[in-house]
Amino acid sequence: MLGLMLALGSHAATHQNASLRVGVYQNEPGVFIDGQSRVSGFYIDILEYVAGQEGWQLDYVQSDWAGLMDGLANGEIDLVAGMAHTPERDRVYDFTREPMFVNWGQIYTTDGGIQSLLDLNGRTVVGLEADVYALSFRSLLKRFDLAVDFRFVNSYQQVLAEVDAGRADAGITSRSNGDRLAPQFDVRRSPIVCCSQEIGYAVRDGEFGHELATLDRYLVALKSDKASYYFQALDQWYGIDPRHPLPEWVSGLIALLAGGAALLFCGVVLLNRKVRERTRRLQEAHDLLDERVRRRTEELYKANKQLRDEIDDHRKTQNKLKHMATHDALTGLPNRRWFSERLQENVKRARRAERKLAVLFLDLDGFKAVNDTYGHDLGDQLLVDAAARLSGSLREVDQIARLGGDEFIIMLPEVSGREGALAVARKVADLFQAPFTIDSLSLKVGVSIGISCYPDHGEDGETLLRNADLAMYEAKHRLQGDYCEYHPALALNPPEEALG
C-alpha cells in the first residue's frame, strides 16, 4: 500500500487545488444523499479519496438524472459520479477508461414459470424511465420479435412494487439496486440477466482530460492491490451490511444460549441434578441447530454455485448475441453497424490527437459474373476467400468490415496522410492480381477502391464513408477499376448507386 501511495504521489503536484462541481443523484449504494443530507456511496468514497490525495476541491450538485444530464451539457456540472458507459454516451461525454464497477440488469418476477426471454412473450414488463438497463433490455426483446408491453416508472422501488402488486409480470433493475431493494417486496430473482454495463466517472467531451487521466491512474493502482482502499470501500458498500453482521436466527440462538446459561447458573445453586438435565437438553438443541446450520449452509453454497453458473451461461449467450448483431455471418468480419461505431470513435480520437485517418471503400470487379455463372455457393466462397486475403494484408491497428454484397470497407486509424492511404490502396489492388482457386477453378476478379481522409474529406464518420463511396464509383465507372481519392467535384455529379 505504501508503494502505491509513493507511485501515485509523484503526480499529485501538477494539478493541485483543482475545483470540480460533481453531480450526484439517488442511486444507492453507488451514490446517494443519506438521512443526514450527506453525500455518500461507493463512487463518492473513491472520488474523495483521490481528491484528498490530489488536493482537489469537490462541490456537490444534487439533482435527478435528467437534471444532471442538463447540468453537464450546459456547464453547470463538471463531473458525474457513476454513469454507465454506452457507445451513444461516448459520442457526447468522456469517461474514465478504467471502470469503477461492472453492473448488469436483473429480471424480477413473482411467477416461477418465467425462466427465459421467450416466457415474456405476451407479458407486461416494467423498467425505470431512461435507465440504460431497461432501454437495453427492451431493445433485446424487440430483436427477438417478442410481443411485450414494456412500461416505465420513476424509481427502482416502483419497478419492484409493480411486480409485487401484480400490475406487471416482470421488472428489470440493476443488479446492485435489486439486491438491496428486493427483500422489501414479495418478488424473486429470475434466471434472466442481461445488459452488463461498465460504470465510471463522466465529463463533457474534450474537457477535464487531466482529471480523468488522474482518476484512471488511481483506479488502476488501487485495483491492483487487494488490500487497498478501493476493495475496503467495495466490501463496505456491496458486501455484508456491517450493521447486521449476523442473520436474525443466529442472533436469536445466541440470546437463547445466554438465557440458558443464566438458568443453569441459578439451577446449580438450587438443584444440581436438574442443572445436569437442563444442560443435556440444551446441548441436544444446540447440536440439532448446528446440524440445521450445516445443511442450510450446504444448500446455500449449491444455490450460489448454480446462480454463478447461470450467470456465466447468460453472459456467454449475451456475448454470442452481441457478436451476431455486429458481425457478418458469411465472412465473420464486422458489419456496417460495428464499423460505423468504431469509425466515429476513431474520428474523435484523431481530432483530439490532431492526426490523420483514412477510409477505403472496396467493391469487387467481376464478382457478379462469377456469381451468375457458377452459382451462389461458389460466389459465397469467393467472398470468404477475398475477406481472408484482405484481412491478412492489414496491420493489427487497421480495421475491416463487410458492408454487404461484394462491398468491403477498411479504416486506417494511424496513417501518415494521403500518401500513406494511397500506398495501402496500391497494396490492396495488388492483392487481386493473383486469381482465386476454388473447386479447381481459377477465378480472376478485380477491385475498385475509393479513398477519403480525415479531416480533408470530412470531419465525421458518415461524411467520410459517403465520400469514399463516391470515389469508389468514380474508380469503377469512369476509371475502369483501380483506386481513386475523393475530390469535391465528385459530389456535384454522383452516380445513382452511391450512398446519399
Protein backbone atom coordinates (compact mmCIF):
# COMPACT_ATOMS: atom_id res chain seq x y z
CA MET A 1 0.00 0.00 0.00
CA LEU A 2 2.95 2.34 0.80
CA GLY A 3 4.40 1.65 -2.65
CA LEU A 4 1.02 2.52 -4.17
CA MET A 5 0.93 5.88 -2.33
CA LEU A 6 4.52 6.72 -3.37
CA ALA A 7 3.80 5.85 -7.02
CA LEU A 8 0.68 8.00 -7.14
CA GLY A 9 2.06 10.82 -5.04
CA SER A 10 4.71 11.70 -7.64
CA HIS A 11 1.90 13.06 -9.88
CA ALA A 12 -0.03 15.00 -7.28
CA ALA A 13 1.79 18.31 -7.58
CA THR A 14 0.85 19.05 -11.17
CA HIS A 15 -2.83 19.97 -10.68
CA GLN A 16 -3.15 20.96 -7.01
CA ASN A 17 -6.30 22.71 -5.81
CA ALA A 18 -8.44 21.81 -8.84
CA SER A 19 -12.14 22.56 -8.25
CA LEU A 20 -14.80 20.18 -9.57
CA ARG A 21 -18.59 20.54 -9.44
CA VAL A 22 -19.76 16.94 -9.00
CA GLY A 23 -23.29 15.92 -9.96
CA VAL A 24 -24.91 13.40 -7.58
CA TYR A 25 -28.27 11.60 -7.55
CA GLN A 26 -30.10 8.87 -5.65
CA ASN A 27 -28.55 5.57 -6.79
CA GLU A 28 -27.74 3.74 -3.54
CA PRO A 29 -25.22 2.29 -2.76
CA GLY A 30 -23.13 3.81 -5.58
CA VAL A 31 -24.06 7.44 -4.88
CA PHE A 32 -26.88 8.93 -2.77
CA ILE A 33 -27.89 11.54 -0.19
CA ASP A 34 -28.24 9.88 3.23
CA GLY A 35 -30.66 10.74 6.06
CA GLN A 36 -28.28 13.43 7.37
CA SER A 37 -28.14 15.12 3.91
CA ARG A 38 -24.60 13.87 3.39
CA VAL A 39 -23.32 12.73 0.00
CA SER A 40 -22.37 9.07 0.39
CA GLY A 41 -21.72 5.90 -1.58
CA PHE A 42 -19.00 3.78 -3.17
CA TYR A 43 -18.33 6.15 -6.12
CA ILE A 44 -18.13 9.12 -3.71
CA ASP A 45 -15.67 7.35 -1.35
CA ILE A 46 -13.22 6.65 -4.18
CA LEU A 47 -13.61 10.16 -5.67
CA GLU A 48 -12.99 11.80 -2.27
CA TYR A 49 -10.00 9.52 -1.72
CA VAL A 50 -8.39 10.71 -4.99
CA ALA A 51 -9.40 14.33 -4.29
CA GLY A 52 -7.72 14.13 -0.88
CA GLN A 53 -4.50 12.82 -2.42
CA GLU A 54 -4.52 15.38 -5.25
CA GLY A 55 -5.77 18.43 -3.30
CA TRP A 56 -8.95 18.84 -5.36
CA GLN A 57 -11.94 20.87 -4.11
CA LEU A 58 -15.23 18.96 -4.62
CA ASP A 59 -18.55 20.86 -4.70
CA TYR A 60 -21.60 18.56 -4.90
CA VAL A 61 -24.63 19.43 -7.05
CA GLN A 62 -27.74 17.34 -6.24
CA SER A 63 -30.40 16.64 -8.89
CA ASP A 64 -32.38 13.87 -10.54
CA TRP A 65 -30.87 12.05 -13.53
CA ALA A 66 -32.42 14.32 -16.18
CA GLY A 67 -31.24 17.41 -14.28
CA LEU A 68 -27.68 16.04 -14.10
CA MET A 69 -27.60 15.49 -17.86
CA ASP A 70 -28.84 19.06 -18.47
CA GLY A 71 -26.33 20.47 -15.98
CA LEU A 72 -23.45 18.55 -17.57
CA ALA A 73 -24.47 19.73 -21.02
CA ASN A 74 -24.78 23.46 -20.14
CA GLY A 75 -21.64 23.63 -17.97
CA GLU A 76 -23.27 23.82 -14.53
CA ILE A 77 -21.76 20.43 -13.62
CA ASP A 78 -18.18 19.31 -14.37
CA LEU A 79 -18.29 15.60 -13.49
CA VAL A 80 -20.98 12.96 -12.87
CA ALA A 81 -20.17 10.29 -10.28
CA GLY A 82 -21.43 6.97 -11.63
CA MET A 83 -22.58 6.84 -15.29
CA ALA A 84 -22.94 3.67 -17.38
CA HIS A 85 -20.71 3.75 -20.46
CA THR A 86 -22.53 3.22 -23.78
CA PRO A 87 -21.50 3.95 -27.40
CA GLU A 88 -24.22 6.62 -27.60
CA ARG A 89 -22.98 8.41 -24.49
CA ASP A 90 -19.36 8.10 -25.59
CA ARG A 91 -20.17 10.39 -28.53
CA VAL A 92 -21.18 13.15 -26.07
CA TYR A 93 -19.10 12.53 -22.94
CA ASP A 94 -15.61 11.38 -21.99
CA PHE A 95 -15.33 8.51 -19.47
CA THR A 96 -12.63 7.08 -17.27
CA ARG A 97 -11.03 4.24 -19.20
CA GLU A 98 -10.77 2.06 -16.07
CA PRO A 99 -14.31 1.13 -14.91
CA MET A 100 -15.30 1.78 -11.31
CA PHE A 101 -17.76 -1.11 -11.22
CA VAL A 102 -19.39 -3.59 -13.60
CA ASN A 103 -23.14 -3.94 -13.16
CA TRP A 104 -25.89 -5.75 -15.08
CA GLY A 105 -29.65 -5.94 -15.32
CA GLN A 106 -31.58 -8.46 -13.22
CA ILE A 107 -35.16 -9.55 -14.00
CA TYR A 108 -37.52 -9.97 -11.03
CA THR A 109 -40.88 -11.81 -11.13
CA THR A 110 -43.44 -13.45 -8.87
CA ASP A 111 -44.04 -16.21 -11.42
CA GLY A 112 -41.69 -19.19 -11.27
CA GLY A 113 -42.73 -20.07 -14.81
CA ILE A 114 -40.69 -17.19 -16.28
CA GLN A 115 -37.33 -18.81 -16.97
CA SER A 116 -36.21 -17.30 -20.30
CA LEU A 117 -36.81 -14.41 -22.69
CA LEU A 118 -39.38 -16.45 -24.62
CA ASP A 119 -41.51 -16.78 -21.46
CA LEU A 120 -42.04 -12.98 -21.55
CA ASN A 121 -43.95 -13.11 -24.84
CA GLY A 122 -47.39 -11.56 -24.30
CA ARG A 123 -46.41 -10.32 -20.81
CA THR A 124 -46.06 -6.89 -19.18
CA VAL A 125 -42.53 -5.75 -18.21
CA VAL A 126 -41.72 -2.61 -16.20
CA GLY A 127 -38.45 -0.63 -16.01
CA LEU A 128 -37.03 2.67 -14.81
CA GLU A 129 -37.53 5.67 -17.12
CA ALA A 130 -34.34 6.48 -19.13
CA ASP A 131 -32.49 3.61 -17.37
CA VAL A 132 -29.76 2.05 -19.51
CA TYR A 133 -30.64 -1.49 -18.34
CA ALA A 134 -34.36 -1.04 -19.10
CA LEU A 135 -33.70 0.51 -22.53
CA SER A 136 -31.15 -2.18 -23.46
CA PHE A 137 -33.49 -4.97 -22.34
CA ARG A 138 -36.40 -3.51 -24.31
CA SER A 139 -34.18 -3.41 -27.43
CA LEU A 140 -33.19 -7.04 -26.82
CA LEU A 141 -36.85 -8.10 -26.61
CA LYS A 142 -37.60 -6.26 -29.87
CA ARG A 143 -34.74 -8.05 -31.65
CA PHE A 144 -36.40 -11.35 -30.70
CA ASP A 145 -39.77 -10.05 -32.04
CA LEU A 146 -41.46 -10.70 -28.69
CA ALA A 147 -44.86 -9.07 -28.05
CA VAL A 148 -44.07 -7.41 -24.70
CA ASP A 149 -45.95 -4.48 -23.14
CA PHE A 150 -42.98 -2.51 -21.79
CA ARG A 151 -43.83 0.24 -19.29
CA PHE A 152 -41.71 2.80 -17.41
CA VAL A 153 -41.86 4.18 -13.85
CA ASN A 154 -39.82 6.72 -11.89
CA SER A 155 -37.78 4.58 -9.46
CA TYR A 156 -36.44 1.08 -8.90
CA GLN A 157 -38.72 0.81 -5.84
CA GLN A 158 -41.73 1.37 -8.13
CA VAL A 159 -40.44 -1.31 -10.50
CA LEU A 160 -40.47 -3.96 -7.77
CA ALA A 161 -43.73 -2.61 -6.29
CA GLU A 162 -45.48 -3.01 -9.68
CA VAL A 163 -44.30 -6.63 -9.91
CA ASP A 164 -45.27 -7.34 -6.27
CA ALA A 165 -48.77 -5.89 -6.81
CA GLY A 166 -49.32 -7.98 -9.96
CA ARG A 167 -49.57 -4.97 -12.28
CA ALA A 168 -46.53 -6.23 -14.17
CA ASP A 169 -45.33 -9.78 -14.84
CA ALA A 170 -41.64 -8.88 -14.62
CA GLY A 171 -39.42 -5.91 -13.82
CA ILE A 172 -35.77 -5.05 -14.51
CA THR A 173 -33.40 -3.27 -12.12
CA SER A 174 -29.66 -3.01 -11.84
CA ARG A 175 -28.19 -5.97 -10.01
CA SER A 176 -26.78 -3.86 -7.14
CA ASN A 177 -30.06 -1.99 -6.52
CA GLY A 178 -32.10 -5.18 -6.85
CA ASP A 179 -30.03 -6.93 -4.18
CA ARG A 180 -30.73 -4.03 -1.81
CA LEU A 181 -34.44 -3.48 -2.54
CA ALA A 182 -35.82 -6.96 -3.31
CA PRO A 183 -36.12 -8.06 0.36
CA GLN A 184 -38.72 -5.29 0.83
CA PHE A 185 -41.09 -6.95 -1.67
CA ASP A 186 -42.56 -10.39 -2.37
CA VAL A 187 -40.58 -10.93 -5.57
CA ARG A 188 -37.97 -13.41 -6.74
CA ARG A 189 -34.93 -13.22 -8.99
CA SER A 190 -35.48 -14.98 -12.30
CA PRO A 191 -32.68 -16.74 -14.23
CA ILE A 192 -32.81 -13.88 -16.78
CA VAL A 193 -29.91 -11.39 -16.63
CA CYS A 194 -28.74 -9.03 -19.35
CA CYS A 195 -27.04 -5.88 -20.45
CA SER A 196 -23.78 -5.73 -18.47
CA GLN A 197 -22.52 -2.15 -18.16
CA GLU A 198 -19.23 -0.58 -17.07
CA ILE A 199 -19.78 2.27 -14.58
CA GLY A 200 -17.33 5.18 -14.44
CA TYR A 201 -16.89 8.92 -13.98
CA ALA A 202 -18.01 11.12 -16.91
CA VAL A 203 -17.26 14.71 -18.06
CA ARG A 204 -18.15 16.82 -21.09
CA ASP A 205 -16.44 15.79 -24.31
CA GLY A 206 -12.94 17.27 -24.55
CA GLU A 207 -12.83 18.76 -21.02
CA PHE A 208 -11.11 17.81 -17.75
CA GLY A 209 -8.82 15.38 -19.53
CA HIS A 210 -6.15 15.63 -16.84
CA GLU A 211 -8.63 14.87 -14.07
CA LEU A 212 -9.96 11.80 -15.93
CA ALA A 213 -6.40 10.57 -16.53
CA THR A 214 -5.63 11.05 -12.83
CA LEU A 215 -8.72 9.07 -11.80
CA ASP A 216 -7.74 6.30 -14.23
CA ARG A 217 -4.23 6.17 -12.79
CA TYR A 218 -5.54 5.83 -9.24
CA LEU A 219 -8.15 3.23 -10.22
CA VAL A 220 -5.56 1.02 -11.95
CA ALA A 221 -3.19 1.26 -8.98
CA LEU A 222 -5.89 0.77 -6.31
CA LYS A 223 -7.47 -2.21 -8.09
CA SER A 224 -4.07 -3.92 -8.38
CA ASP A 225 -3.76 -4.05 -4.56
CA LYS A 226 -6.32 -6.35 -2.86
CA ALA A 227 -5.72 -4.55 0.46
CA SER A 228 -6.30 -1.05 -0.99
CA TYR A 229 -8.98 1.47 -0.05
CA TYR A 230 -10.89 0.54 -3.23
CA PHE A 231 -11.55 -3.01 -2.03
CA GLN A 232 -12.30 -1.84 1.51
CA ALA A 233 -14.98 0.51 0.13
CA LEU A 234 -16.27 -2.18 -2.26
CA ASP A 235 -16.72 -4.60 0.65
CA GLN A 236 -18.40 -1.90 2.75
CA TRP A 237 -20.99 -0.88 0.15
CA TYR A 238 -21.60 -4.12 -1.76
CA GLY A 239 -20.63 -6.80 0.81
CA ILE A 240 -22.29 -7.76 4.11
CA ASP A 241 -24.04 -4.85 5.83
CA PRO A 242 -21.87 -4.08 8.93
CA ARG A 243 -24.97 -3.00 10.83
CA HIS A 244 -26.41 -6.53 10.53
CA PRO A 245 -23.37 -8.85 10.52
CA LEU A 246 -25.36 -11.94 11.58
CA PRO A 247 -28.69 -13.40 10.40
CA GLU A 248 -31.60 -12.88 12.77
CA TRP A 249 -31.89 -16.58 13.65
CA VAL A 250 -28.24 -16.68 14.76
CA SER A 251 -28.81 -13.63 16.97
CA GLY A 252 -31.85 -15.43 18.46
CA LEU A 253 -29.78 -18.55 19.06
CA ILE A 254 -27.12 -16.53 20.87
CA ALA A 255 -29.80 -14.94 23.07
CA LEU A 256 -31.28 -18.39 23.78
CA LEU A 257 -27.91 -19.79 24.78
CA ALA A 258 -27.21 -16.81 27.01
CA GLY A 259 -30.57 -17.23 28.75
CA GLY A 260 -29.94 -20.95 29.13
CA ALA A 261 -26.57 -20.25 30.70
CA ALA A 262 -28.20 -17.93 33.23
CA LEU A 263 -30.79 -20.58 34.10
CA LEU A 264 -28.06 -23.16 34.53
CA PHE A 265 -26.13 -20.87 36.86
CA CYS A 266 -29.20 -20.39 39.08
CA GLY A 267 -30.09 -24.09 38.90
CA VAL A 268 -26.67 -25.16 40.16
CA VAL A 269 -27.34 -23.36 43.40
CA LEU A 270 -30.85 -24.88 43.76
CA LEU A 271 -30.58 -28.36 42.39
CA ASN A 272 -27.51 -29.95 40.79
CA ARG A 273 -29.47 -32.80 39.15
CA LYS A 274 -31.88 -30.52 37.34
CA VAL A 275 -28.96 -28.44 36.13
CA ARG A 276 -27.35 -31.51 34.54
CA GLU A 277 -30.64 -32.48 32.87
CA ARG A 278 -31.19 -28.96 31.53
CA THR A 279 -27.61 -28.90 30.26
CA ARG A 280 -28.16 -32.16 28.40
CA ARG A 281 -31.33 -30.88 26.73
CA LEU A 282 -29.68 -27.62 25.74
CA GLN A 283 -26.76 -29.50 24.25
CA GLU A 284 -29.14 -31.61 22.17
CA ALA A 285 -30.91 -28.47 20.94
CA HIS A 286 -27.56 -26.89 20.17
CA ASP A 287 -26.40 -29.95 18.21
CA LEU A 288 -29.67 -30.01 16.30
CA LEU A 289 -29.30 -26.35 15.39
CA ASP A 290 -25.67 -26.91 14.35
CA GLU A 291 -26.80 -29.70 12.03
CA ARG A 292 -29.50 -27.50 10.54
CA VAL A 293 -26.97 -24.70 10.04
CA ARG A 294 -24.59 -27.11 8.31
CA ARG A 295 -27.30 -28.40 5.97
CA ARG A 296 -28.55 -24.90 5.22
CA THR A 297 -25.01 -23.73 4.51
CA GLU A 298 -24.57 -26.58 2.02
CA GLU A 299 -27.88 -25.70 0.35
CA LEU A 300 -26.89 -22.04 0.08
CA TYR A 301 -23.48 -22.97 -1.34
CA LYS A 302 -25.08 -25.17 -4.02
CA ALA A 303 -27.66 -22.49 -4.85
CA ASN A 304 -24.94 -19.85 -5.08
CA LYS A 305 -22.86 -22.06 -7.39
CA GLN A 306 -25.92 -22.72 -9.56
CA LEU A 307 -26.59 -18.98 -9.77
CA ARG A 308 -22.98 -18.27 -10.79
CA ASP A 309 -23.21 -20.98 -13.47
CA GLU A 310 -26.48 -19.49 -14.76
CA ILE A 311 -24.93 -16.01 -14.87
CA ASP A 312 -21.94 -17.39 -16.81
CA ASP A 313 -24.29 -19.14 -19.27
CA HIS A 314 -26.34 -15.98 -19.78
CA ARG A 315 -23.18 -13.91 -20.21
CA LYS A 316 -21.97 -16.32 -22.90
CA THR A 317 -25.36 -16.14 -24.61
CA GLN A 318 -25.31 -12.33 -24.43
CA ASN A 319 -21.81 -12.21 -25.95
CA LYS A 320 -22.92 -14.56 -28.73
CA LEU A 321 -25.99 -12.41 -29.47
CA LYS A 322 -23.85 -9.26 -29.43
CA HIS A 323 -21.40 -10.87 -31.87
CA MET A 324 -24.24 -11.92 -34.17
CA ALA A 325 -25.63 -8.37 -34.13
CA THR A 326 -22.29 -6.81 -35.08
CA HIS A 327 -20.66 -9.35 -37.44
CA ASP A 328 -21.30 -10.75 -40.90
CA ALA A 329 -22.46 -14.38 -40.75
CA LEU A 330 -20.74 -15.40 -44.03
CA THR A 331 -17.20 -13.97 -43.69
CA GLY A 332 -17.02 -13.48 -39.92
CA LEU A 333 -15.96 -9.86 -40.48
CA PRO A 334 -17.58 -6.98 -38.56
CA ASN A 335 -20.65 -5.48 -40.25
CA ARG A 336 -21.70 -1.91 -41.12
CA ARG A 337 -23.16 -1.21 -37.63
CA TRP A 338 -19.95 -2.23 -35.87
CA PHE A 339 -17.77 -0.34 -38.35
CA SER A 340 -19.82 2.89 -38.13
CA GLU A 341 -19.48 2.96 -34.32
CA ARG A 342 -15.71 2.31 -34.42
CA LEU A 343 -15.25 4.87 -37.19
CA GLN A 344 -16.98 7.56 -35.13
CA GLU A 345 -14.86 6.68 -32.07
CA ASN A 346 -11.62 6.81 -34.08
CA VAL A 347 -12.58 10.15 -35.65
CA LYS A 348 -12.95 11.57 -32.12
CA ARG A 349 -9.53 10.21 -31.15
CA ALA A 350 -7.96 11.58 -34.33
CA ARG A 351 -9.48 15.00 -33.61
CA ARG A 352 -8.07 15.04 -30.07
CA ALA A 353 -4.61 13.84 -31.15
CA GLU A 354 -4.63 16.03 -34.32
CA ARG A 355 -3.68 13.09 -36.53
CA LYS A 356 -4.86 11.71 -39.88
CA LEU A 357 -7.31 8.88 -40.57
CA ALA A 358 -8.29 7.25 -43.87
CA VAL A 359 -11.26 5.20 -45.15
CA LEU A 360 -11.01 2.82 -48.14
CA PHE A 361 -14.29 1.71 -49.79
CA LEU A 362 -13.83 -1.51 -51.85
CA ASP A 363 -16.08 -3.11 -54.48
CA LEU A 364 -15.10 -6.34 -56.27
CA ASP A 365 -14.99 -6.09 -60.08
CA GLY A 366 -16.35 -9.12 -61.93
CA PHE A 367 -17.97 -10.75 -58.91
CA LYS A 368 -21.49 -10.65 -60.39
CA ALA A 369 -20.34 -12.55 -63.46
CA VAL A 370 -18.77 -15.25 -61.29
CA ASN A 371 -21.91 -15.47 -59.17
CA ASP A 372 -24.21 -15.70 -62.21
CA THR A 373 -22.02 -18.27 -63.99
CA TYR A 374 -21.09 -20.64 -61.17
CA GLY A 375 -23.83 -20.12 -58.62
CA HIS A 376 -24.22 -18.53 -55.22
CA ASP A 377 -22.36 -21.23 -53.26
CA LEU A 378 -19.17 -20.64 -55.19
CA GLY A 379 -19.77 -16.87 -55.06
CA ASP A 380 -20.07 -17.05 -51.27
CA GLN A 381 -16.78 -18.96 -51.06
CA LEU A 382 -15.14 -16.31 -53.23
CA LEU A 383 -16.29 -13.61 -50.78
CA VAL A 384 -14.89 -15.63 -47.85
CA ASP A 385 -11.51 -16.04 -49.61
CA ALA A 386 -11.41 -12.34 -50.56
CA ALA A 387 -12.14 -11.36 -46.96
CA ALA A 388 -9.32 -13.61 -45.71
CA ARG A 389 -6.88 -12.21 -48.29
CA LEU A 390 -7.75 -8.62 -47.31
CA SER A 391 -7.59 -9.27 -43.55
CA GLY A 392 -4.20 -10.94 -43.81
CA SER A 393 -2.67 -7.94 -45.59
CA LEU A 394 -3.58 -5.28 -42.98
CA ARG A 395 -1.80 -4.06 -39.88
CA GLU A 396 -3.10 -5.00 -36.43
CA VAL A 397 -4.41 -1.46 -35.84
CA ASP A 398 -6.33 -1.34 -39.13
CA GLN A 399 -9.97 -2.43 -39.20
CA ILE A 400 -12.00 -4.10 -41.97
CA ALA A 401 -15.72 -4.81 -42.33
CA ARG A 402 -18.12 -6.22 -44.92
CA LEU A 403 -20.89 -3.78 -45.81
CA GLY A 404 -22.92 -6.31 -47.81
CA GLY A 405 -22.86 -7.91 -51.25
CA ASP A 406 -19.33 -7.58 -52.66
CA GLU A 407 -18.50 -4.35 -50.78
CA PHE A 408 -15.86 -4.07 -48.07
CA ILE A 409 -14.61 -1.10 -46.05
CA ILE A 410 -11.19 -0.55 -44.44
CA MET A 411 -10.27 2.06 -41.79
CA LEU A 412 -6.67 3.20 -41.30
CA PRO A 413 -6.70 4.95 -37.88
CA GLU A 414 -2.94 5.58 -37.83
CA VAL A 415 -1.87 6.78 -41.27
CA SER A 416 0.68 9.45 -42.21
CA GLY A 417 -1.72 11.17 -44.63
CA ARG A 418 -2.92 10.80 -48.22
CA GLU A 419 0.42 9.29 -49.30
CA GLY A 420 0.07 6.54 -46.69
CA ALA A 421 -3.55 5.90 -47.70
CA LEU A 422 -2.60 5.70 -51.40
CA ALA A 423 0.19 3.25 -50.58
CA VAL A 424 -2.25 0.94 -48.78
CA ALA A 425 -4.71 1.23 -51.69
CA ARG A 426 -1.97 0.17 -54.14
CA LYS A 427 -1.13 -2.77 -51.87
CA VAL A 428 -4.79 -3.85 -51.72
CA ALA A 429 -5.18 -3.53 -55.51
CA ASP A 430 -2.08 -5.71 -55.99
CA LEU A 431 -3.67 -8.44 -53.84
CA PHE A 432 -6.24 -9.04 -56.59
CA GLN A 433 -3.65 -9.54 -59.34
CA ALA A 434 -3.44 -13.21 -58.36
CA PRO A 435 -6.52 -15.35 -59.22
CA PHE A 436 -8.60 -17.23 -56.63
CA THR A 437 -8.67 -21.04 -56.87
CA ILE A 438 -11.99 -22.62 -55.84
CA ASP A 439 -13.09 -26.18 -56.72
CA SER A 440 -10.22 -26.41 -59.26
CA LEU A 441 -11.47 -23.22 -60.95
CA SER A 442 -9.15 -20.24 -61.38
CA LEU A 443 -11.24 -17.11 -60.90
CA LYS A 444 -9.96 -13.60 -61.66
CA VAL A 445 -11.72 -10.64 -60.03
CA GLY A 446 -10.50 -7.08 -59.58
CA VAL A 447 -11.24 -4.37 -57.08
CA SER A 448 -12.26 -0.70 -57.27
CA ILE A 449 -11.18 1.44 -54.31
CA GLY A 450 -12.43 4.83 -53.14
CA ILE A 451 -10.35 6.81 -50.62
CA SER A 452 -11.33 9.58 -48.18
CA CYS A 453 -9.12 11.12 -45.49
CA TYR A 454 -9.88 12.87 -42.22
CA PRO A 455 -10.04 15.85 -41.92
CA ASP A 456 -9.51 16.79 -45.59
CA HIS A 457 -12.58 14.98 -46.94
CA GLY A 458 -14.89 15.06 -43.91
CA GLU A 459 -14.92 15.62 -40.16
CA ASP A 460 -17.34 12.84 -39.17
CA GLY A 461 -17.70 9.16 -39.93
CA GLU A 462 -20.83 9.43 -42.09
CA THR A 463 -19.27 12.04 -44.39
CA LEU A 464 -16.02 10.06 -44.75
CA LEU A 465 -17.95 6.90 -45.62
CA ARG A 466 -20.13 8.70 -48.18
CA ASN A 467 -17.17 10.41 -49.86
CA ALA A 468 -15.16 7.19 -50.03
CA ASP A 469 -18.21 5.58 -51.70
CA LEU A 470 -18.35 8.38 -54.30
CA ALA A 471 -14.64 7.95 -55.02
CA MET A 472 -15.10 4.18 -55.41
CA TYR A 473 -17.82 4.65 -58.04
CA GLU A 474 -15.54 7.10 -59.84
CA ALA A 475 -12.83 4.42 -59.90
CA LYS A 476 -15.27 1.72 -61.08
CA HIS A 477 -17.31 3.55 -63.74
CA ARG A 478 -15.04 6.31 -65.02
CA LEU A 479 -11.54 4.99 -64.41
CA GLN A 480 -12.41 1.30 -65.12
CA GLY A 481 -11.13 -0.07 -61.81
CA ASP A 482 -8.07 0.61 -59.63
CA TYR A 483 -8.34 3.33 -56.93
CA CYS A 484 -9.41 6.95 -56.72
CA GLU A 485 -9.06 9.62 -54.00
CA TYR A 486 -12.12 11.75 -53.23
CA HIS A 487 -12.23 15.32 -54.56
CA PRO A 488 -15.09 17.86 -54.22
CA ALA A 489 -16.08 17.65 -57.89
CA LEU A 490 -17.35 14.08 -57.32
CA ALA A 491 -20.18 15.40 -55.13
CA LEU A 492 -21.51 17.59 -57.96
CA ASN A 493 -22.49 14.63 -60.17
CA PRO A 494 -22.70 11.49 -58.00
CA PRO A 495 -23.83 8.19 -59.54
CA GLU A 496 -27.28 6.98 -58.53
CA GLU A 497 -25.86 3.86 -56.85
CA ALA A 498 -23.67 5.86 -54.42
CA LEU A 499 -24.72 6.48 -50.83
CA GLY A 500 -26.91 9.50 -50.30
